[in-house]
């Protein structure tokens, strides 16, 4: 029986103007202050904000490093980013995730669509993600990880919220 094919959908409102939220997602020095899981330090190896360009980054915690990348597909300044995210190595080659329990069944490429909408002096962010695969096993793993991804993005977006609060003071 085919796995469900549900997207990850996260919506969050930020007390910051859309232009600042956009900069937080598209500027090296801003991304290094908030992107990634809580407790991991981020360093940007490459940021080419253009269709076909790459955002390559390393997340470091005591005892382990993890690499990831985005390949941008569509960029509409201050309103939309479409990118494919993957785990990678430092040469930007796609790799399996560093989590043995899902390494064999995790989708290698995830298409993400980030939209930003103005709500007065606030910004409504919507992030939609889905695997770029036809594999039922990968979709099944994706479905099973949606609660964990919601929790992880919740922590990441808490960091974005704190960053934006500091940037608007």
Foldseek 3Di string as FASTA:
>chain_A
DFADFAKQKDKDKALAALLVLLCLVQPQVNVQQFDFFPQWGKHWPDGDPDQQGKTWMWTDHVPDIWIKMWHWHDDDPSFKTKTKIATADPVRHGAFGPPVVCRVQAAGIKIKMWGWDDDDRMIMIMIIIGGPDPDRSNSNVVVVCSVVVVVRVVRSVVSVNVSRVVVVD
